[in-house]
Amino acid sequence: MHDRDVSPMGVCCLWEMNQTMRRVGMNLGRVKRHEYLMYVLAVREQEDLEELAGQPVKPKSLLQLRQEFERKHGSIYAYLLLFE
């Protein structure tokens, strides 16, 4: 606003943080495993192929897919190491 350089520790009473930056750190998001995403993709592709072949298809719910994957492979989430 004043067209001046500001130091990283500078403070201005006219400064206001935007909405996106306000939310930073409020929620620790989780990342889904690549294997799980590929599993869901493979199931959906198979369902599409069956439908194209004229077979009756009842798509599996995401809850069903998640439960099947977790039974066979464990958590759908990747574990990330965070370094300071």
PDB file of N, CA and C in Angstrom:
ATOM      1  N   MET A   1       0.816  -1.182   0.000  1.00  0.00           N
ATOM      2  CA  MET A   1       0.000   0.000   0.000  1.00  0.00           C
ATOM      3  C   MET A   1       0.874   1.266   0.000  1.00  0.00           C
ATOM      4  N   HIS A   2       2.024   1.186   0.664  1.00  0.00           N
ATOM      5  CA  HIS A   2       2.904   2.356   0.745  1.00  0.00           C
ATOM      6  C   HIS A   2       4.034   2.311  -0.275  1.00  0.00           C
ATOM      7  N   ASP A   3       4.042   1.232  -1.082  1.00  0.00           N
ATOM      8  CA  ASP A   3       5.064   1.056  -2.110  1.00  0.00           C
ATOM      9  C   ASP A   3       6.469   1.098  -1.522  1.00  0.00           C
ATOM     10  N   ARG A   4       6.678   0.391  -0.400  1.00  0.00           N
ATOM     11  CA  ARG A   4       7.992   0.287   0.237  1.00  0.00           C
ATOM     12  C   ARG A   4       8.310  -1.178   0.490  1.00  0.00           C
ATOM     13  N   ASP A   5       9.595  -1.462   0.605  1.00  0.00           N
ATOM     14  CA  ASP A   5      10.005  -2.810   1.004  1.00  0.00           C
ATOM     15  C   ASP A   5       9.634  -3.013   2.463  1.00  0.00           C
ATOM     16  N   VAL A   6       9.205  -4.223   2.772  1.00  0.00           N
ATOM     17  CA  VAL A   6       8.804  -4.547   4.143  1.00  0.00           C
ATOM     18  C   VAL A   6       9.644  -5.713   4.619  1.00  0.00           C
ATOM     19  N   SER A   7      10.167  -5.600   5.831  1.00  0.00           N
ATOM     20  CA  SER A   7      10.953  -6.705   6.377  1.00  0.00           C
ATOM     21  C   SER A   7      10.020  -7.854   6.761  1.00  0.00           C
ATOM     22  N   PRO A   8      10.517  -9.089   6.796  1.00  0.00           N
ATOM     23  CA  PRO A   8       9.677 -10.232   7.169  1.00  0.00           C
ATOM     24  C   PRO A   8       9.025 -10.083   8.541  1.00  0.00           C
ATOM     25  N   MET A   9       9.622  -9.334   9.418  1.00  0.00           N
ATOM     26  CA  MET A   9       9.067  -9.149  10.758  1.00  0.00           C
ATOM     27  C   MET A   9       8.276  -7.846  10.878  1.00  0.00           C
ATOM     28  N   GLY A  10       8.094  -7.157   9.767  1.00  0.00           N
ATOM     29  CA  GLY A  10       7.383  -5.883   9.766  1.00  0.00           C
ATOM     30  C   GLY A  10       5.907  -6.059  10.102  1.00  0.00           C
ATOM     31  N   VAL A  11       5.329  -5.061  10.680  1.00  0.00           N
ATOM     32  CA  VAL A  11       3.922  -5.064  11.055  1.00  0.00           C
ATOM     33  C   VAL A  11       3.283  -3.777  10.539  1.00  0.00           C
ATOM     34  N   CYS A  12       2.084  -3.926  10.016  1.00  0.00           N
ATOM     35  CA  CYS A  12       1.358  -2.767   9.520  1.00  0.00           C
ATOM     36  C   CYS A  12      -0.096  -2.906   9.947  1.00  0.00           C
ATOM     37  N   CYS A  13      -0.674  -1.857  10.482  1.00  0.00           N
ATOM     38  CA  CYS A  13      -2.067  -1.913  10.939  1.00  0.00           C
ATOM     39  C   CYS A  13      -3.038  -2.046   9.770  1.00  0.00           C
ATOM     40  N   LEU A  14      -2.576  -1.812   8.533  1.00  0.00           N
ATOM     41  CA  LEU A  14      -3.442  -1.924   7.365  1.00  0.00           C
ATOM     42  C   LEU A  14      -3.407  -3.316   6.724  1.00  0.00           C
ATOM     43  N   TRP A  15      -2.499  -4.144   7.227  1.00  0.00           N
ATOM     44  CA  TRP A  15      -2.331  -5.481   6.660  1.00  0.00           C
ATOM     45  C   TRP A  15      -3.432  -6.404   7.147  1.00  0.00           C
ATOM     46  N   GLU A  16      -3.958  -7.246   6.229  1.00  0.00           N
ATOM     47  CA  GLU A  16      -4.985  -8.222   6.595  1.00  0.00           C
ATOM     48  C   GLU A  16      -4.687  -9.537   5.880  1.00  0.00           C
ATOM     49  N   MET A  17      -4.729 -10.625   6.635  1.00  0.00           N
ATOM     50  CA  MET A  17      -4.448 -11.943   6.079  1.00  0.00           C
ATOM     51  C   MET A  17      -5.642 -12.414   5.240  1.00  0.00           C
ATOM     52  N   ASN A  18      -5.349 -13.030   4.087  1.00  0.00           N
ATOM     53  CA  ASN A  18      -6.463 -13.514   3.262  1.00  0.00           C
ATOM     54  C   ASN A  18      -7.019 -14.820   3.832  1.00  0.00           C
ATOM     55  N   GLN A  19      -8.204 -15.200   3.353  1.00  0.00           N
ATOM     56  CA  GLN A  19      -8.920 -16.367   3.883  1.00  0.00           C
ATOM     57  C   GLN A  19      -8.098 -17.651   3.785  1.00  0.00           C
ATOM     58  N   THR A  20      -7.443 -17.865   2.661  1.00  0.00           N
ATOM     59  CA  THR A  20      -6.654 -19.074   2.468  1.00  0.00           C
ATOM     60  C   THR A  20      -5.556 -19.183   3.513  1.00  0.00           C
ATOM     61  N   MET A  21      -4.852 -18.108   3.742  1.00  0.00           N
ATOM     62  CA  MET A  21      -3.770 -18.140   4.723  1.00  0.00           C
ATOM     63  C   MET A  21      -4.300 -18.306   6.148  1.00  0.00           C
ATOM     64  N   ARG A  22      -5.491 -17.826   6.409  1.00  0.00           N
ATOM     65  CA  ARG A  22      -6.074 -18.000   7.747  1.00  0.00           C
ATOM     66  C   ARG A  22      -6.326 -19.460   8.072  1.00  0.00           C
ATOM     67  N   ARG A  23      -6.615 -20.246   7.044  1.00  0.00           N
ATOM     68  CA  ARG A  23      -6.924 -21.658   7.265  1.00  0.00           C
ATOM     69  C   ARG A  23      -5.689 -22.542   7.369  1.00  0.00           C
ATOM     70  N   VAL A  24      -4.530 -22.041   7.030  1.00  0.00           N
ATOM     71  CA  VAL A  24      -3.313 -22.836   7.071  1.00  0.00           C
ATOM     72  C   VAL A  24      -3.086 -23.374   8.473  1.00  0.00           C
ATOM     73  N   GLY A  25      -2.870 -24.678   8.540  1.00  0.00           N
ATOM     74  CA  GLY A  25      -2.581 -25.321   9.820  1.00  0.00           C
ATOM     75  C   GLY A  25      -3.798 -25.665  10.646  1.00  0.00           C
ATOM     76  N   MET A  26      -4.978 -25.277  10.198  1.00  0.00           N
ATOM     77  CA  MET A  26      -6.185 -25.570  10.974  1.00  0.00           C
ATOM     78  C   MET A  26      -6.587 -27.036  10.856  1.00  0.00           C
ATOM     79  N   ASN A  27      -6.331 -27.644   9.716  1.00  0.00           N
ATOM     80  CA  ASN A  27      -6.725 -29.022   9.497  1.00  0.00           C
ATOM     81  C   ASN A  27      -5.526 -29.796   8.987  1.00  0.00           C
ATOM     82  N   LEU A  28      -5.214 -30.859   9.646  1.00  0.00           N
ATOM     83  CA  LEU A  28      -4.117 -31.702   9.176  1.00  0.00           C
ATOM     84  C   LEU A  28      -4.681 -32.680   8.163  1.00  0.00           C
ATOM     85  N   GLY A  29      -4.605 -32.323   6.900  1.00  0.00           N
ATOM     86  CA  GLY A  29      -5.131 -33.173   5.838  1.00  0.00           C
ATOM     87  C   GLY A  29      -4.338 -34.457   5.720  1.00  0.00           C
ATOM     88  N   ARG A  30      -4.957 -35.440   5.109  1.00  0.00           N
ATOM     89  CA  ARG A  30      -4.283 -36.710   4.904  1.00  0.00           C
ATOM     90  C   ARG A  30      -4.212 -36.999   3.416  1.00  0.00           C
ATOM     91  N   VAL A  31      -3.192 -37.707   3.025  1.00  0.00           N
ATOM     92  CA  VAL A  31      -2.959 -38.031   1.626  1.00  0.00           C
ATOM     93  C   VAL A  31      -3.281 -39.501   1.418  1.00  0.00           C
ATOM     94  N   LYS A  32      -4.103 -39.777   0.410  1.00  0.00           N
ATOM     95  CA  LYS A  32      -4.439 -41.169   0.115  1.00  0.00           C
ATOM     96  C   LYS A  32      -3.271 -41.844  -0.604  1.00  0.00           C
ATOM     97  N   ARG A  33      -3.093 -43.125  -0.318  1.00  0.00           N
ATOM     98  CA  ARG A  33      -2.020 -43.904  -0.940  1.00  0.00           C
ATOM     99  C   ARG A  33      -2.249 -44.050  -2.442  1.00  0.00           C
ATOM    100  N   HIS A  34      -1.166 -44.032  -3.165  1.00  0.00           N
ATOM    101  CA  HIS A  34      -1.215 -44.220  -4.615  1.00  0.00           C
ATOM    102  C   HIS A  34      -1.860 -45.571  -4.933  1.00  0.00           C
ATOM    103  N   GLU A  35      -1.515 -46.605  -4.165  1.00  0.00           N
ATOM    104  CA  GLU A  35      -2.059 -47.941  -4.397  1.00  0.00           C
ATOM    105  C   GLU A  35      -3.591 -47.950  -4.268  1.00  0.00           C
ATOM    106  N   TYR A  36      -4.103 -47.211  -3.304  1.00  0.00           N
ATOM    107  CA  TYR A  36      -5.552 -47.144  -3.118  1.00  0.00           C
ATOM    108  C   TYR A  36      -6.212 -46.447  -4.301  1.00  0.00           C
ATOM    109  N   LEU A  37      -5.638 -45.340  -4.739  1.00  0.00           N
ATOM    110  CA  LEU A  37      -6.210 -44.614  -5.874  1.00  0.00           C
ATOM    111  C   LEU A  37      -6.201 -45.466  -7.140  1.00  0.00           C
ATOM    112  N   MET A  38      -5.138 -46.237  -7.339  1.00  0.00           N
ATOM    113  CA  MET A  38      -5.057 -47.122  -8.502  1.00  0.00           C
ATOM    114  C   MET A  38      -6.062 -48.275  -8.381  1.00  0.00           C
ATOM    115  N   TYR A  39      -6.303 -48.744  -7.160  1.00  0.00           N
ATOM    116  CA  TYR A  39      -7.289 -49.785  -6.909  1.00  0.00           C
ATOM    117  C   TYR A  39      -8.682 -49.287  -7.288  1.00  0.00           C
ATOM    118  N   VAL A  40      -9.051 -48.094  -6.837  1.00  0.00           N
ATOM    119  CA  VAL A  40     -10.360 -47.512  -7.158  1.00  0.00           C
ATOM    120  C   VAL A  40     -10.491 -47.337  -8.668  1.00  0.00           C
ATOM    121  N   LEU A  41      -9.446 -46.851  -9.310  1.00  0.00           N
ATOM    122  CA  LEU A  41      -9.467 -46.666 -10.756  1.00  0.00           C
ATOM    123  C   LEU A  41      -9.688 -47.997 -11.470  1.00  0.00           C
ATOM    124  N   ALA A  42      -8.978 -49.047 -11.049  1.00  0.00           N
ATOM    125  CA  ALA A  42      -9.111 -50.360 -11.691  1.00  0.00           C
ATOM    126  C   ALA A  42     -10.524 -50.909 -11.531  1.00  0.00           C
ATOM    127  N   VAL A  43     -11.111 -50.755 -10.360  1.00  0.00           N
ATOM    128  CA  VAL A  43     -12.475 -51.237 -10.130  1.00  0.00           C
ATOM    129  C   VAL A  43     -13.450 -50.466 -11.012  1.00  0.00           C
ATOM    130  N   ARG A  44     -13.316 -49.162 -11.065  1.00  0.00           N
ATOM    131  CA  ARG A  44     -14.219 -48.351 -11.885  1.00  0.00           C
ATOM    132  C   ARG A  44     -14.075 -48.674 -13.374  1.00  0.00           C
ATOM    133  N   GLU A  45     -12.841 -48.916 -13.823  1.00  0.00           N
ATOM    134  CA  GLU A  45     -12.632 -49.280 -15.229  1.00  0.00           C
ATOM    135  C   GLU A  45     -13.284 -50.622 -15.531  1.00  0.00           C
ATOM    136  N   GLN A  46     -13.172 -51.578 -14.609  1.00  0.00           N
ATOM    137  CA  GLN A  46     -13.794 -52.887 -14.797  1.00  0.00           C
ATOM    138  C   GLN A  46     -15.320 -52.763 -14.851  1.00  0.00           C
ATOM    139  N   GLU A  47     -15.866 -51.940 -13.986  1.00  0.00           N
ATOM    140  CA  GLU A  47     -17.314 -51.706 -14.013  1.00  0.00           C
ATOM    141  C   GLU A  47     -17.744 -51.101 -15.347  1.00  0.00           C
ATOM    142  N   ASP A  48     -16.960 -50.159 -15.855  1.00  0.00           N
ATOM    143  CA  ASP A  48     -17.268 -49.538 -17.149  1.00  0.00           C
ATOM    144  C   ASP A  48     -17.228 -50.561 -18.280  1.00  0.00           C
ATOM    145  N   LEU A  49     -16.211 -51.441 -18.267  1.00  0.00           N
ATOM    146  CA  LEU A  49     -16.088 -52.469 -19.307  1.00  0.00           C
ATOM    147  C   LEU A  49     -17.274 -53.428 -19.268  1.00  0.00           C
ATOM    148  N   GLU A  50     -17.685 -53.817 -18.077  1.00  0.00           N
ATOM    149  CA  GLU A  50     -18.826 -54.714 -17.942  1.00  0.00           C
ATOM    150  C   GLU A  50     -20.100 -54.050 -18.457  1.00  0.00           C
ATOM    151  N   GLU A  51     -20.259 -52.774 -18.155  1.00  0.00           N
ATOM    152  CA  GLU A  51     -21.432 -52.045 -18.630  1.00  0.00           C
ATOM    153  C   GLU A  51     -21.433 -51.934 -20.147  1.00  0.00           C
ATOM    154  N   LEU A  52     -20.256 -51.659 -20.741  1.00  0.00           N
ATOM    155  CA  LEU A  52     -20.159 -51.573 -22.198  1.00  0.00           C
ATOM    156  C   LEU A  52     -20.459 -52.911 -22.863  1.00  0.00           C
ATOM    157  N   ALA A  53     -20.166 -54.010 -22.158  1.00  0.00           N
ATOM    158  CA  ALA A  53     -20.425 -55.336 -22.693  1.00  0.00           C
ATOM    159  C   ALA A  53     -21.890 -55.733 -22.512  1.00  0.00           C
ATOM    160  N   GLY A  54     -22.680 -54.830 -21.940  1.00  0.00           N
ATOM    161  CA  GLY A  54     -24.099 -55.099 -21.780  1.00  0.00           C
ATOM    162  C   GLY A  54     -24.461 -55.866 -20.523  1.00  0.00           C
ATOM    163  N   GLN A  55     -23.498 -56.040 -19.631  1.00  0.00           N
ATOM    164  CA  GLN A  55     -23.768 -56.753 -18.388  1.00  0.00           C
ATOM    165  C   GLN A  55     -24.359 -55.793 -17.359  1.00  0.00           C
ATOM    166  N   PRO A  56     -25.295 -56.286 -16.552  1.00  0.00           N
ATOM    167  CA  PRO A  56     -25.828 -55.412 -15.495  1.00  0.00           C
ATOM    168  C   PRO A  56     -24.747 -55.140 -14.455  1.00  0.00           C
ATOM    169  N   VAL A  57     -24.598 -53.871 -14.096  1.00  0.00           N
ATOM    170  CA  VAL A  57     -23.535 -53.481 -13.165  1.00  0.00           C
ATOM    171  C   VAL A  57     -24.132 -52.659 -12.037  1.00  0.00           C
ATOM    172  N   LYS A  58     -23.792 -53.029 -10.818  1.00  0.00           N
ATOM    173  CA  LYS A  58     -24.135 -52.201  -9.666  1.00  0.00           C
ATOM    174  C   LYS A  58     -22.807 -51.685  -9.115  1.00  0.00           C
ATOM    175  N   PRO A  59     -22.458 -50.417  -9.394  1.00  0.00           N
ATOM    176  CA  PRO A  59     -21.164 -49.890  -8.949  1.00  0.00           C
ATOM    177  C   PRO A  59     -21.005 -50.001  -7.435  1.00  0.00           C
ATOM    178  N   LYS A  60     -19.804 -50.346  -7.018  1.00  0.00           N
ATOM    179  CA  LYS A  60     -19.494 -50.418  -5.591  1.00  0.00           C
ATOM    180  C   LYS A  60     -19.416 -49.000  -5.027  1.00  0.00           C
ATOM    181  N   SER A  61     -19.874 -48.849  -3.806  1.00  0.00           N
ATOM    182  CA  SER A  61     -19.789 -47.543  -3.154  1.00  0.00           C
ATOM    183  C   SER A  61     -18.340 -47.292  -2.736  1.00  0.00           C
ATOM    184  N   LEU A  62     -18.022 -46.025  -2.489  1.00  0.00           N
ATOM    185  CA  LEU A  62     -16.673 -45.709  -2.007  1.00  0.00           C
ATOM    186  C   LEU A  62     -16.409 -46.365  -0.666  1.00  0.00           C
ATOM    187  N   LEU A  63     -17.430 -46.488   0.165  1.00  0.00           N
ATOM    188  CA  LEU A  63     -17.265 -47.164   1.450  1.00  0.00           C
ATOM    189  C   LEU A  63     -16.898 -48.632   1.239  1.00  0.00           C
ATOM    190  N   GLN A  64     -17.564 -49.310   0.299  1.00  0.00           N
ATOM    191  CA  GLN A  64     -17.224 -50.692  -0.006  1.00  0.00           C
ATOM    192  C   GLN A  64     -15.788 -50.818  -0.506  1.00  0.00           C
ATOM    193  N   LEU A  65     -15.403 -49.926  -1.419  1.00  0.00           N
ATOM    194  CA  LEU A  65     -14.047 -49.972  -1.968  1.00  0.00           C
ATOM    195  C   LEU A  65     -13.015 -49.760  -0.872  1.00  0.00           C
ATOM    196  N   ARG A  66     -13.270 -48.795  -0.004  1.00  0.00           N
ATOM    197  CA  ARG A  66     -12.351 -48.500   1.095  1.00  0.00           C
ATOM    198  C   ARG A  66     -12.212 -49.709   2.017  1.00  0.00           C
ATOM    199  N   GLN A  67     -13.343 -50.324   2.373  1.00  0.00           N
ATOM    200  CA  GLN A  67     -13.303 -51.467   3.276  1.00  0.00           C
ATOM    201  C   GLN A  67     -12.570 -52.645   2.660  1.00  0.00           C
ATOM    202  N   GLU A  68     -12.822 -52.918   1.371  1.00  0.00           N
ATOM    203  CA  GLU A  68     -12.123 -54.010   0.682  1.00  0.00           C
ATOM    204  C   GLU A  68     -10.617 -53.768   0.672  1.00  0.00           C
ATOM    205  N   PHE A  69     -10.233 -52.554   0.323  1.00  0.00           N
ATOM    206  CA  PHE A  69      -8.808 -52.229   0.259  1.00  0.00           C
ATOM    207  C   PHE A  69      -8.159 -52.373   1.634  1.00  0.00           C
ATOM    208  N   GLU A  70      -8.808 -51.835   2.656  1.00  0.00           N
ATOM    209  CA  GLU A  70      -8.235 -51.879   4.010  1.00  0.00           C
ATOM    210  C   GLU A  70      -8.124 -53.298   4.535  1.00  0.00           C
ATOM    211  N   ARG A  71      -9.066 -54.171   4.188  1.00  0.00           N
ATOM    212  CA  ARG A  71      -8.979 -55.584   4.593  1.00  0.00           C
ATOM    213  C   ARG A  71      -7.739 -56.249   4.012  1.00  0.00           C
ATOM    214  N   LYS A  72      -7.450 -55.934   2.763  1.00  0.00           N
ATOM    215  CA  LYS A  72      -6.336 -56.582   2.058  1.00  0.00           C
ATOM    216  C   LYS A  72      -4.991 -55.898   2.279  1.00  0.00           C
ATOM    217  N   HIS A  73      -4.993 -54.561   2.380  1.00  0.00           N
ATOM    218  CA  HIS A  73      -3.734 -53.816   2.330  1.00  0.00           C
ATOM    219  C   HIS A  73      -3.500 -52.836   3.475  1.00  0.00           C
ATOM    220  N   GLY A  74      -4.425 -52.709   4.392  1.00  0.00           N
ATOM    221  CA  GLY A  74      -4.260 -51.734   5.472  1.00  0.00           C
ATOM    222  C   GLY A  74      -4.837 -50.384   5.090  1.00  0.00           C
ATOM    223  N   SER A  75      -4.405 -49.377   5.774  1.00  0.00           N
ATOM    224  CA  SER A  75      -4.955 -48.028   5.633  1.00  0.00           C
ATOM    225  C   SER A  75      -4.878 -47.505   4.198  1.00  0.00           C
ATOM    226  N   ILE A  76      -5.875 -46.704   3.839  1.00  0.00           N
ATOM    227  CA  ILE A  76      -5.863 -46.073   2.516  1.00  0.00           C
ATOM    228  C   ILE A  76      -4.981 -44.830   2.513  1.00  0.00           C
ATOM    229  N   TYR A  77      -4.532 -44.421   3.689  1.00  0.00           N
ATOM    230  CA  TYR A  77      -3.754 -43.183   3.796  1.00  0.00           C
ATOM    231  C   TYR A  77      -2.255 -43.440   3.832  1.00  0.00           C
ATOM    232  N   ALA A  78      -1.511 -42.550   3.197  1.00  0.00           N
ATOM    233  CA  ALA A  78      -0.053 -42.598   3.216  1.00  0.00           C
ATOM    234  C   ALA A  78       0.423 -41.988   4.524  1.00  0.00           C
ATOM    235  N   TYR A  79       1.514 -42.459   5.002  1.00  0.00           N
ATOM    236  CA  TYR A  79       2.105 -41.892   6.211  1.00  0.00           C
ATOM    237  C   TYR A  79       3.279 -41.035   5.779  1.00  0.00           C
ATOM    238  N   LEU A  80       3.212 -39.768   6.137  1.00  0.00           N
ATOM    239  CA  LEU A  80       4.238 -38.823   5.724  1.00  0.00           C
ATOM    240  C   LEU A  80       5.138 -38.489   6.906  1.00  0.00           C
ATOM    241  N   LEU A  81       6.413 -38.371   6.639  1.00  0.00           N
ATOM    242  CA  LEU A  81       7.345 -37.916   7.658  1.00  0.00           C
ATOM    243  C   LEU A  81       7.507 -36.421   7.481  1.00  0.00           C
ATOM    244  N   LEU A  82       7.253 -35.700   8.520  1.00  0.00           N
ATOM    245  CA  LEU A  82       7.379 -34.248   8.462  1.00  0.00           C
ATOM    246  C   LEU A  82       8.664 -33.832   9.153  1.00  0.00           C
ATOM    247  N   PHE A  83       9.433 -33.003   8.500  1.00  0.00           N
ATOM    248  CA  PHE A  83      10.689 -32.516   9.058  1.00  0.00           C
ATOM    249  C   PHE A  83      10.559 -31.040   9.378  1.00  0.00           C
ATOM    250  N   GLU A  84      11.144 -30.642  10.452  1.00  0.00           N
ATOM    251  CA  GLU A  84      11.109 -29.225  10.815  1.00  0.00           C
ATOM    252  C   GLU A  84      12.269 -28.507  10.169  1.00  0.00           C
TER     253      GLU A  84
END
